[in-house]
N, C-alpha and C. Protein backbone atom coordinates (compact mmCIF):
# COMPACT_ATOMS: atom_id res chain seq x y z
N ALA A 1 146.35 0.95 -37.31
CA ALA A 1 147.02 0.82 -36.03
C ALA A 1 147.30 -0.64 -35.75
N ALA A 2 148.48 -0.92 -35.23
CA ALA A 2 148.87 -2.29 -34.90
C ALA A 2 148.21 -2.71 -33.60
N VAL A 3 147.75 -3.94 -33.56
CA VAL A 3 147.16 -4.49 -32.35
C VAL A 3 148.16 -5.48 -31.77
N ILE A 4 148.52 -5.29 -30.52
CA ILE A 4 149.46 -6.18 -29.86
C ILE A 4 148.67 -7.10 -28.94
N MET A 5 148.74 -8.39 -29.20
CA MET A 5 148.03 -9.37 -28.39
C MET A 5 148.87 -9.69 -27.16
N GLN A 6 148.28 -9.58 -26.00
CA GLN A 6 148.98 -9.93 -24.77
C GLN A 6 148.88 -11.43 -24.56
N LYS A 7 150.01 -12.08 -24.39
CA LYS A 7 150.04 -13.52 -24.16
C LYS A 7 150.04 -13.79 -22.67
N LYS A 8 149.40 -14.89 -22.27
CA LYS A 8 149.33 -15.28 -20.87
C LYS A 8 150.03 -16.61 -20.70
N ILE A 9 151.00 -16.64 -19.82
CA ILE A 9 151.75 -17.86 -19.54
C ILE A 9 151.28 -18.38 -18.19
N MET A 10 150.93 -19.66 -18.15
CA MET A 10 150.43 -20.24 -16.92
C MET A 10 151.51 -21.13 -16.31
N ILE A 11 151.79 -20.89 -15.04
CA ILE A 11 152.71 -21.73 -14.30
C ILE A 11 151.99 -22.14 -13.02
N VAL A 12 151.71 -23.43 -12.89
CA VAL A 12 151.11 -23.95 -11.66
C VAL A 12 152.28 -24.39 -10.81
N MET A 13 152.38 -23.80 -9.63
CA MET A 13 153.60 -23.99 -8.86
C MET A 13 153.31 -24.57 -7.49
N GLU A 14 154.04 -25.61 -7.17
CA GLU A 14 154.09 -26.12 -5.81
C GLU A 14 155.57 -26.23 -5.51
N ILE A 15 156.02 -25.55 -4.50
CA ILE A 15 157.43 -25.53 -4.19
C ILE A 15 157.73 -26.56 -3.12
N ALA A 16 158.72 -27.38 -3.37
CA ALA A 16 159.18 -28.34 -2.37
C ALA A 16 160.68 -28.16 -2.23
N GLN A 17 161.09 -27.73 -1.08
CA GLN A 17 162.52 -27.60 -0.82
C GLN A 17 162.88 -28.67 0.18
N GLN A 18 163.75 -29.58 -0.20
CA GLN A 18 164.09 -30.72 0.63
C GLN A 18 164.68 -30.31 1.97
N LYS A 19 165.28 -29.13 2.06
CA LYS A 19 165.89 -28.71 3.30
C LYS A 19 164.87 -28.21 4.32
N TRP A 20 163.64 -27.96 3.91
CA TRP A 20 162.62 -27.51 4.86
C TRP A 20 162.32 -28.65 5.83
N THR A 21 161.97 -28.30 7.05
CA THR A 21 161.66 -29.32 8.05
C THR A 21 160.25 -29.83 7.86
N VAL A 22 159.96 -30.94 8.52
CA VAL A 22 158.62 -31.51 8.46
C VAL A 22 157.61 -30.51 9.01
N GLN A 23 157.99 -29.74 10.04
CA GLN A 23 157.07 -28.75 10.60
C GLN A 23 156.68 -27.72 9.55
N MET A 24 157.63 -27.33 8.69
CA MET A 24 157.34 -26.35 7.65
C MET A 24 156.29 -26.89 6.69
N PHE A 25 156.40 -28.17 6.32
CA PHE A 25 155.41 -28.75 5.43
C PHE A 25 154.05 -28.88 6.10
N ALA A 26 154.03 -28.97 7.41
CA ALA A 26 152.76 -29.11 8.13
C ALA A 26 152.03 -27.77 8.24
N VAL A 27 152.73 -26.68 8.01
CA VAL A 27 152.12 -25.36 8.08
C VAL A 27 151.19 -25.17 6.89
N ASP A 28 150.20 -24.32 7.04
CA ASP A 28 149.21 -24.02 6.02
C ASP A 28 149.84 -23.78 4.65
N GLN A 29 149.20 -24.27 3.60
CA GLN A 29 149.66 -24.08 2.22
C GLN A 29 149.83 -22.60 1.89
N LEU A 30 149.01 -21.76 2.49
CA LEU A 30 149.10 -20.33 2.23
C LEU A 30 150.46 -19.79 2.63
N LEU A 31 151.01 -20.26 3.75
CA LEU A 31 152.33 -19.80 4.18
C LEU A 31 153.37 -20.19 3.14
N LYS A 32 153.28 -21.42 2.65
CA LYS A 32 154.24 -21.86 1.63
C LYS A 32 154.15 -20.96 0.41
N MET A 33 152.94 -20.63 -0.01
CA MET A 33 152.76 -19.76 -1.18
C MET A 33 153.29 -18.36 -0.90
N ASN A 34 153.08 -17.87 0.33
CA ASN A 34 153.60 -16.55 0.68
C ASN A 34 155.11 -16.50 0.65
N VAL A 35 155.77 -17.57 1.11
CA VAL A 35 157.22 -17.63 1.07
C VAL A 35 157.70 -17.59 -0.38
N VAL A 36 157.07 -18.40 -1.23
CA VAL A 36 157.44 -18.43 -2.65
C VAL A 36 157.16 -17.08 -3.30
N SER A 37 155.98 -16.51 -3.03
CA SER A 37 155.63 -15.22 -3.60
C SER A 37 156.66 -14.16 -3.22
N ALA A 38 157.08 -14.17 -1.97
CA ALA A 38 158.06 -13.18 -1.51
C ALA A 38 159.38 -13.35 -2.26
N MET A 39 159.80 -14.61 -2.47
CA MET A 39 161.06 -14.85 -3.19
C MET A 39 160.95 -14.38 -4.64
N VAL A 40 159.85 -14.72 -5.29
CA VAL A 40 159.66 -14.33 -6.69
C VAL A 40 159.51 -12.82 -6.81
N GLN A 41 158.78 -12.21 -5.89
CA GLN A 41 158.60 -10.76 -5.94
C GLN A 41 159.92 -10.02 -5.71
N ALA A 42 160.78 -10.56 -4.84
CA ALA A 42 162.10 -9.96 -4.64
C ALA A 42 162.92 -10.04 -5.91
N LEU A 43 162.84 -11.17 -6.61
CA LEU A 43 163.54 -11.32 -7.88
C LEU A 43 162.98 -10.36 -8.93
N MET A 44 161.67 -10.20 -8.95
CA MET A 44 161.04 -9.26 -9.89
C MET A 44 161.55 -7.84 -9.65
N THR A 45 161.66 -7.46 -8.38
CA THR A 45 162.16 -6.12 -8.03
C THR A 45 163.61 -5.97 -8.46
N GLU A 46 164.41 -6.98 -8.17
CA GLU A 46 165.84 -6.94 -8.54
C GLU A 46 166.02 -6.79 -10.04
N LEU A 47 165.19 -7.47 -10.81
CA LEU A 47 165.30 -7.44 -12.28
C LEU A 47 164.46 -6.33 -12.91
N LYS A 48 163.82 -5.51 -12.07
CA LYS A 48 163.00 -4.38 -12.54
C LYS A 48 161.88 -4.84 -13.49
N MET A 49 161.21 -5.93 -13.11
CA MET A 49 160.11 -6.46 -13.90
C MET A 49 158.81 -5.81 -13.44
N PRO A 50 157.94 -5.40 -14.35
CA PRO A 50 156.69 -4.72 -13.96
C PRO A 50 155.76 -5.65 -13.18
N ALA A 51 155.44 -5.28 -11.96
CA ALA A 51 154.63 -6.11 -11.08
C ALA A 51 153.22 -6.36 -11.63
N ASP A 52 152.70 -5.44 -12.43
CA ASP A 52 151.33 -5.61 -12.94
C ASP A 52 151.22 -6.73 -13.99
N ARG A 53 152.34 -7.32 -14.37
CA ARG A 53 152.31 -8.42 -15.34
C ARG A 53 152.28 -9.79 -14.67
N PHE A 54 152.27 -9.82 -13.35
CA PHE A 54 152.30 -11.08 -12.61
C PHE A 54 151.11 -11.13 -11.66
N TRP A 55 150.57 -12.32 -11.51
CA TRP A 55 149.42 -12.51 -10.64
C TRP A 55 149.67 -13.76 -9.80
N PHE A 56 149.77 -13.59 -8.50
CA PHE A 56 149.96 -14.70 -7.59
C PHE A 56 148.60 -15.05 -6.99
N THR A 57 148.06 -16.18 -7.38
CA THR A 57 146.69 -16.52 -7.01
C THR A 57 146.58 -17.30 -5.72
N GLY A 58 147.61 -18.02 -5.34
CA GLY A 58 147.44 -18.99 -4.26
C GLY A 58 146.58 -20.12 -4.80
N GLY A 59 145.97 -20.88 -3.92
CA GLY A 59 145.08 -21.95 -4.37
C GLY A 59 143.86 -21.39 -5.07
N VAL A 60 143.35 -22.10 -6.05
CA VAL A 60 142.15 -21.65 -6.77
C VAL A 60 141.16 -22.81 -6.89
N PRO A 61 139.85 -22.49 -6.89
CA PRO A 61 138.84 -23.53 -7.10
C PRO A 61 138.97 -24.14 -8.51
N GLU A 62 138.48 -25.36 -8.66
CA GLU A 62 138.56 -26.07 -9.95
C GLU A 62 138.03 -25.23 -11.11
N ALA A 63 136.89 -24.57 -10.93
CA ALA A 63 136.29 -23.78 -12.01
C ALA A 63 137.23 -22.66 -12.45
N ASP A 64 137.88 -22.01 -11.48
CA ASP A 64 138.83 -20.95 -11.82
C ASP A 64 140.05 -21.52 -12.51
N LEU A 65 140.51 -22.68 -12.05
CA LEU A 65 141.67 -23.31 -12.67
C LEU A 65 141.39 -23.61 -14.14
N ALA A 66 140.20 -24.11 -14.41
CA ALA A 66 139.81 -24.38 -15.80
C ALA A 66 139.84 -23.11 -16.64
N THR A 67 139.41 -22.00 -16.07
CA THR A 67 139.45 -20.72 -16.78
C THR A 67 140.89 -20.30 -17.06
N PHE A 68 141.76 -20.47 -16.09
CA PHE A 68 143.18 -20.14 -16.30
C PHE A 68 143.75 -20.95 -17.46
N TYR A 69 143.45 -22.26 -17.48
CA TYR A 69 143.95 -23.09 -18.59
C TYR A 69 143.39 -22.60 -19.93
N ARG A 70 142.09 -22.33 -19.96
CA ARG A 70 141.47 -21.93 -21.24
C ARG A 70 142.03 -20.62 -21.78
N THR A 71 142.48 -19.74 -20.92
CA THR A 71 142.96 -18.43 -21.37
C THR A 71 144.48 -18.34 -21.49
N ALA A 72 145.19 -19.42 -21.16
CA ALA A 72 146.65 -19.39 -21.20
C ALA A 72 147.16 -19.56 -22.63
N SER A 73 148.24 -18.87 -22.95
CA SER A 73 148.91 -19.03 -24.24
C SER A 73 149.90 -20.19 -24.21
N ALA A 74 150.37 -20.53 -23.01
CA ALA A 74 151.28 -21.65 -22.83
C ALA A 74 151.25 -22.06 -21.37
N TYR A 75 151.63 -23.30 -21.12
CA TYR A 75 151.77 -23.82 -19.76
C TYR A 75 153.23 -24.18 -19.55
N VAL A 76 153.81 -23.72 -18.45
CA VAL A 76 155.22 -23.98 -18.16
C VAL A 76 155.33 -24.79 -16.88
N SER A 77 156.10 -25.88 -16.94
CA SER A 77 156.40 -26.68 -15.75
C SER A 77 157.91 -26.72 -15.57
N LEU A 78 158.38 -26.22 -14.44
CA LEU A 78 159.81 -26.21 -14.14
C LEU A 78 160.12 -27.12 -12.95
N SER A 79 159.20 -28.01 -12.63
CA SER A 79 159.32 -28.84 -11.44
C SER A 79 160.51 -29.79 -11.52
N GLU A 80 161.16 -29.93 -10.38
CA GLU A 80 162.26 -30.89 -10.24
C GLU A 80 161.84 -32.06 -9.37
N HIS A 81 160.63 -32.02 -8.85
CA HIS A 81 160.15 -33.04 -7.92
C HIS A 81 158.75 -33.48 -8.31
N GLU A 82 158.59 -33.98 -9.51
CA GLU A 82 157.25 -34.26 -10.01
C GLU A 82 157.02 -35.76 -10.14
N GLY A 83 155.83 -36.17 -9.73
CA GLY A 83 155.41 -37.54 -9.96
C GLY A 83 154.83 -37.62 -11.36
N PHE A 84 153.61 -38.08 -11.49
CA PHE A 84 152.99 -38.25 -12.80
C PHE A 84 152.74 -36.91 -13.50
N CYS A 85 152.48 -35.87 -12.77
CA CYS A 85 152.30 -34.51 -13.30
C CYS A 85 150.97 -34.33 -14.03
N VAL A 86 149.89 -34.46 -13.29
CA VAL A 86 148.55 -34.28 -13.83
C VAL A 86 148.37 -32.92 -14.51
N PRO A 87 148.96 -31.81 -13.99
CA PRO A 87 148.77 -30.53 -14.69
C PRO A 87 149.22 -30.55 -16.15
N LEU A 88 150.18 -31.39 -16.50
CA LEU A 88 150.57 -31.51 -17.91
C LEU A 88 149.40 -32.02 -18.73
N LEU A 89 148.71 -33.03 -18.22
CA LEU A 89 147.54 -33.57 -18.93
C LEU A 89 146.41 -32.55 -18.96
N GLU A 90 146.23 -31.83 -17.86
CA GLU A 90 145.18 -30.80 -17.83
C GLU A 90 145.45 -29.73 -18.89
N ALA A 91 146.70 -29.31 -19.00
CA ALA A 91 147.05 -28.30 -20.01
C ALA A 91 146.82 -28.85 -21.42
N MET A 92 147.25 -30.10 -21.65
CA MET A 92 147.06 -30.69 -22.98
C MET A 92 145.57 -30.82 -23.29
N ALA A 93 144.78 -31.23 -22.30
CA ALA A 93 143.33 -31.37 -22.51
C ALA A 93 142.67 -30.03 -22.80
N ALA A 94 143.24 -28.96 -22.28
CA ALA A 94 142.71 -27.61 -22.54
C ALA A 94 143.27 -27.03 -23.83
N ASP A 95 144.06 -27.82 -24.55
CA ASP A 95 144.68 -27.40 -25.81
C ASP A 95 145.63 -26.21 -25.61
N VAL A 96 146.42 -26.30 -24.54
CA VAL A 96 147.42 -25.29 -24.22
C VAL A 96 148.79 -25.93 -24.45
N PRO A 97 149.64 -25.32 -25.26
CA PRO A 97 150.96 -25.92 -25.50
C PRO A 97 151.79 -25.94 -24.21
N VAL A 98 152.50 -27.04 -24.01
CA VAL A 98 153.26 -27.28 -22.79
C VAL A 98 154.76 -27.12 -23.04
N LEU A 99 155.41 -26.39 -22.15
CA LEU A 99 156.87 -26.30 -22.09
C LEU A 99 157.26 -26.85 -20.73
N ALA A 100 158.10 -27.89 -20.69
CA ALA A 100 158.40 -28.53 -19.41
C ALA A 100 159.86 -28.91 -19.29
N TYR A 101 160.38 -28.71 -18.09
CA TYR A 101 161.71 -29.19 -17.75
C TYR A 101 161.62 -30.71 -17.70
N ALA A 102 162.47 -31.39 -18.46
CA ALA A 102 162.40 -32.85 -18.62
C ALA A 102 163.08 -33.54 -17.45
N ALA A 103 162.41 -33.54 -16.30
CA ALA A 103 162.94 -34.19 -15.10
C ALA A 103 161.90 -35.13 -14.53
N THR A 104 162.33 -36.01 -13.69
CA THR A 104 161.51 -37.01 -13.02
C THR A 104 160.54 -37.68 -14.00
N ALA A 105 159.24 -37.67 -13.74
CA ALA A 105 158.28 -38.38 -14.59
C ALA A 105 157.76 -37.55 -15.76
N VAL A 106 158.21 -36.32 -15.90
CA VAL A 106 157.70 -35.46 -16.97
C VAL A 106 157.90 -36.09 -18.35
N PRO A 107 159.09 -36.60 -18.70
CA PRO A 107 159.23 -37.20 -20.03
C PRO A 107 158.29 -38.39 -20.26
N GLU A 108 158.05 -39.16 -19.22
CA GLU A 108 157.14 -40.30 -19.37
C GLU A 108 155.70 -39.83 -19.53
N THR A 109 155.32 -38.80 -18.81
CA THR A 109 153.95 -38.28 -18.92
C THR A 109 153.73 -37.65 -20.29
N LEU A 110 154.67 -36.82 -20.74
CA LEU A 110 154.49 -36.13 -22.03
C LEU A 110 154.78 -37.03 -23.22
N GLY A 111 155.60 -38.05 -23.06
CA GLY A 111 155.99 -38.85 -24.22
C GLY A 111 156.69 -37.95 -25.22
N GLU A 112 156.25 -37.97 -26.45
CA GLU A 112 156.84 -37.11 -27.49
C GLU A 112 156.09 -35.78 -27.63
N ALA A 113 155.17 -35.52 -26.72
CA ALA A 113 154.33 -34.31 -26.81
C ALA A 113 154.97 -33.13 -26.10
N GLY A 114 154.42 -31.96 -26.36
CA GLY A 114 154.91 -30.75 -25.71
C GLY A 114 156.32 -30.42 -26.15
N VAL A 115 156.91 -29.46 -25.47
CA VAL A 115 158.31 -29.09 -25.69
C VAL A 115 159.02 -29.32 -24.36
N GLN A 116 160.00 -30.21 -24.37
CA GLN A 116 160.74 -30.54 -23.16
C GLN A 116 162.18 -30.07 -23.33
N PHE A 117 162.80 -29.69 -22.21
CA PHE A 117 164.19 -29.26 -22.28
C PHE A 117 164.96 -29.72 -21.05
N ALA A 118 166.22 -29.99 -21.23
CA ALA A 118 167.17 -30.31 -20.17
C ALA A 118 168.55 -30.09 -20.77
N PRO A 119 169.48 -29.58 -20.03
CA PRO A 119 169.44 -29.27 -18.61
C PRO A 119 168.57 -28.04 -18.34
N LYS A 120 168.44 -27.71 -17.07
CA LYS A 120 167.56 -26.61 -16.66
C LYS A 120 168.27 -25.28 -16.88
N ASN A 121 168.14 -24.78 -18.10
CA ASN A 121 168.72 -23.50 -18.50
C ASN A 121 167.55 -22.56 -18.77
N LEU A 122 167.33 -21.61 -17.87
CA LEU A 122 166.14 -20.76 -17.95
C LEU A 122 166.19 -19.78 -19.12
N GLU A 123 167.38 -19.37 -19.54
CA GLU A 123 167.45 -18.51 -20.73
C GLU A 123 167.00 -19.28 -21.96
N TYR A 124 167.45 -20.52 -22.08
CA TYR A 124 167.02 -21.38 -23.18
C TYR A 124 165.52 -21.62 -23.11
N ALA A 125 165.01 -21.88 -21.89
CA ALA A 125 163.57 -22.10 -21.71
C ALA A 125 162.78 -20.87 -22.15
N ALA A 126 163.28 -19.68 -21.84
CA ALA A 126 162.60 -18.45 -22.25
C ALA A 126 162.56 -18.32 -23.77
N GLU A 127 163.65 -18.71 -24.44
CA GLU A 127 163.66 -18.68 -25.91
C GLU A 127 162.64 -19.67 -26.46
N LEU A 128 162.61 -20.88 -25.89
CA LEU A 128 161.64 -21.88 -26.33
C LEU A 128 160.21 -21.39 -26.10
N LEU A 129 159.99 -20.76 -24.97
CA LEU A 129 158.66 -20.23 -24.66
C LEU A 129 158.23 -19.19 -25.69
N GLY A 130 159.15 -18.30 -26.05
CA GLY A 130 158.83 -17.30 -27.07
C GLY A 130 158.43 -17.95 -28.39
N LEU A 131 159.17 -18.99 -28.78
CA LEU A 131 158.83 -19.70 -30.02
C LEU A 131 157.46 -20.38 -29.89
N LEU A 132 157.24 -21.03 -28.76
CA LEU A 132 156.00 -21.77 -28.56
C LEU A 132 154.78 -20.85 -28.59
N VAL A 133 154.94 -19.65 -28.08
CA VAL A 133 153.82 -18.71 -28.01
C VAL A 133 153.60 -17.97 -29.33
N TYR A 134 154.69 -17.61 -30.02
CA TYR A 134 154.57 -16.73 -31.18
C TYR A 134 154.77 -17.39 -32.55
N ASP A 135 155.33 -18.59 -32.60
CA ASP A 135 155.53 -19.28 -33.88
C ASP A 135 154.31 -20.18 -34.13
N ASP A 136 153.40 -19.70 -34.98
CA ASP A 136 152.14 -20.41 -35.20
C ASP A 136 152.31 -21.82 -35.72
N ASP A 137 153.30 -22.06 -36.60
CA ASP A 137 153.52 -23.41 -37.13
C ASP A 137 154.00 -24.35 -36.03
N LEU A 138 154.96 -23.89 -35.23
CA LEU A 138 155.45 -24.71 -34.12
C LEU A 138 154.32 -24.99 -33.14
N ARG A 139 153.57 -23.96 -32.81
CA ARG A 139 152.46 -24.11 -31.87
C ARG A 139 151.46 -25.15 -32.37
N ALA A 140 151.09 -25.08 -33.64
CA ALA A 140 150.13 -26.03 -34.22
C ALA A 140 150.68 -27.45 -34.17
N SER A 141 151.96 -27.60 -34.46
CA SER A 141 152.60 -28.92 -34.43
C SER A 141 152.63 -29.49 -33.02
N VAL A 142 152.97 -28.66 -32.05
CA VAL A 142 153.00 -29.10 -30.66
C VAL A 142 151.61 -29.50 -30.19
N LEU A 143 150.61 -28.69 -30.53
CA LEU A 143 149.24 -29.01 -30.12
C LEU A 143 148.76 -30.31 -30.76
N ALA A 144 149.13 -30.55 -32.00
CA ALA A 144 148.74 -31.81 -32.66
C ALA A 144 149.39 -32.99 -31.93
N GLY A 145 150.65 -32.86 -31.57
CA GLY A 145 151.33 -33.92 -30.83
C GLY A 145 150.71 -34.16 -29.47
N GLN A 146 150.31 -33.09 -28.81
CA GLN A 146 149.68 -33.22 -27.50
C GLN A 146 148.33 -33.91 -27.59
N ARG A 147 147.57 -33.59 -28.64
CA ARG A 147 146.27 -34.25 -28.82
C ARG A 147 146.47 -35.75 -29.04
N ALA A 148 147.48 -36.10 -29.81
CA ALA A 148 147.78 -37.52 -30.04
C ALA A 148 148.19 -38.20 -28.73
N ARG A 149 148.99 -37.53 -27.93
CA ARG A 149 149.43 -38.11 -26.65
C ARG A 149 148.25 -38.31 -25.71
N LEU A 150 147.31 -37.39 -25.71
CA LEU A 150 146.14 -37.52 -24.84
C LEU A 150 145.36 -38.80 -25.12
N ALA A 151 145.38 -39.24 -26.36
CA ALA A 151 144.68 -40.48 -26.72
C ALA A 151 145.23 -41.67 -25.94
N ASP A 152 146.51 -41.61 -25.56
CA ASP A 152 147.12 -42.69 -24.77
C ASP A 152 146.53 -42.78 -23.36
N PHE A 153 145.84 -41.72 -22.93
CA PHE A 153 145.25 -41.69 -21.60
C PHE A 153 143.73 -41.76 -21.64
N SER A 154 143.16 -42.11 -22.78
CA SER A 154 141.70 -42.23 -22.90
C SER A 154 141.22 -43.42 -22.07
N ASP A 155 139.93 -43.43 -21.78
CA ASP A 155 139.36 -44.55 -21.03
C ASP A 155 139.62 -45.87 -21.75
N ALA A 156 139.42 -45.89 -23.06
CA ALA A 156 139.61 -47.13 -23.82
C ALA A 156 141.07 -47.60 -23.76
N ALA A 157 141.99 -46.68 -23.91
CA ALA A 157 143.41 -47.06 -23.86
C ALA A 157 143.79 -47.57 -22.47
N MET A 158 143.29 -46.92 -21.44
CA MET A 158 143.60 -47.35 -20.07
C MET A 158 142.98 -48.71 -19.77
N ARG A 159 141.75 -48.93 -20.22
CA ARG A 159 141.11 -50.24 -20.03
C ARG A 159 141.91 -51.33 -20.73
N ALA A 160 142.36 -51.07 -21.94
CA ALA A 160 143.14 -52.06 -22.69
C ALA A 160 144.46 -52.38 -21.96
N ARG A 161 145.14 -51.36 -21.46
CA ARG A 161 146.39 -51.59 -20.71
C ARG A 161 146.13 -52.40 -19.44
N LEU A 162 145.07 -52.04 -18.75
CA LEU A 162 144.73 -52.76 -17.52
C LEU A 162 144.39 -54.22 -17.82
N ALA A 163 143.65 -54.45 -18.88
CA ALA A 163 143.30 -55.83 -19.27
C ALA A 163 144.55 -56.63 -19.60
N ARG A 164 145.51 -56.02 -20.32
CA ARG A 164 146.77 -56.71 -20.63
C ARG A 164 147.55 -57.02 -19.36
N LEU A 165 147.56 -56.11 -18.44
CA LEU A 165 148.28 -56.30 -17.18
C LEU A 165 147.65 -57.42 -16.37
N ILE A 166 146.34 -57.42 -16.27
CA ILE A 166 145.63 -58.48 -15.53
C ILE A 166 145.86 -59.82 -16.19
N ALA A 167 145.83 -59.85 -17.52
CA ALA A 167 146.04 -61.11 -18.25
C ALA A 167 147.43 -61.69 -17.96
N ARG A 168 148.43 -60.84 -17.80
CA ARG A 168 149.79 -61.31 -17.51
C ARG A 168 149.87 -62.04 -16.18
N PHE A 169 149.01 -61.66 -15.24
CA PHE A 169 149.07 -62.25 -13.90
C PHE A 169 147.94 -63.25 -13.65
N SER A 170 147.16 -63.55 -14.68
CA SER A 170 146.04 -64.50 -14.51
C SER A 170 146.47 -65.90 -14.82
């Protein structure tokens, strides 16, 4: 009998819509998540996607977040409003291959690691995700690149950069 492995894709989502008012941002994070959940669930219904394959968690404690990373087959970032993007580093540290929309600081954070794409074509992203999850050679190569990139953020590397920066202004 064939065994089908179920893959888990992790998307950590914070939605920022520039047209929302300041009052909307001041409202509880749960409301923001509920608005997003409702939009995504409406899309799932429209596309006839099975609801039991999606889990909307809202905020989660650090310990639970670590579990999500450890059990994910891939991490996807589609953010258009990202600063440094710590979740990319968290995913890489958990040895989860990263697929990310190459916008804002994402290319600088990932460097040559992960799989980045632009323009934002979700059909193309879905194809890349399928390869990243099911192509073992590609997955191994991406994970090796991510491990190498993580070294750039080690304590020793950061201390050396800081020392060089201080020396420039001393």
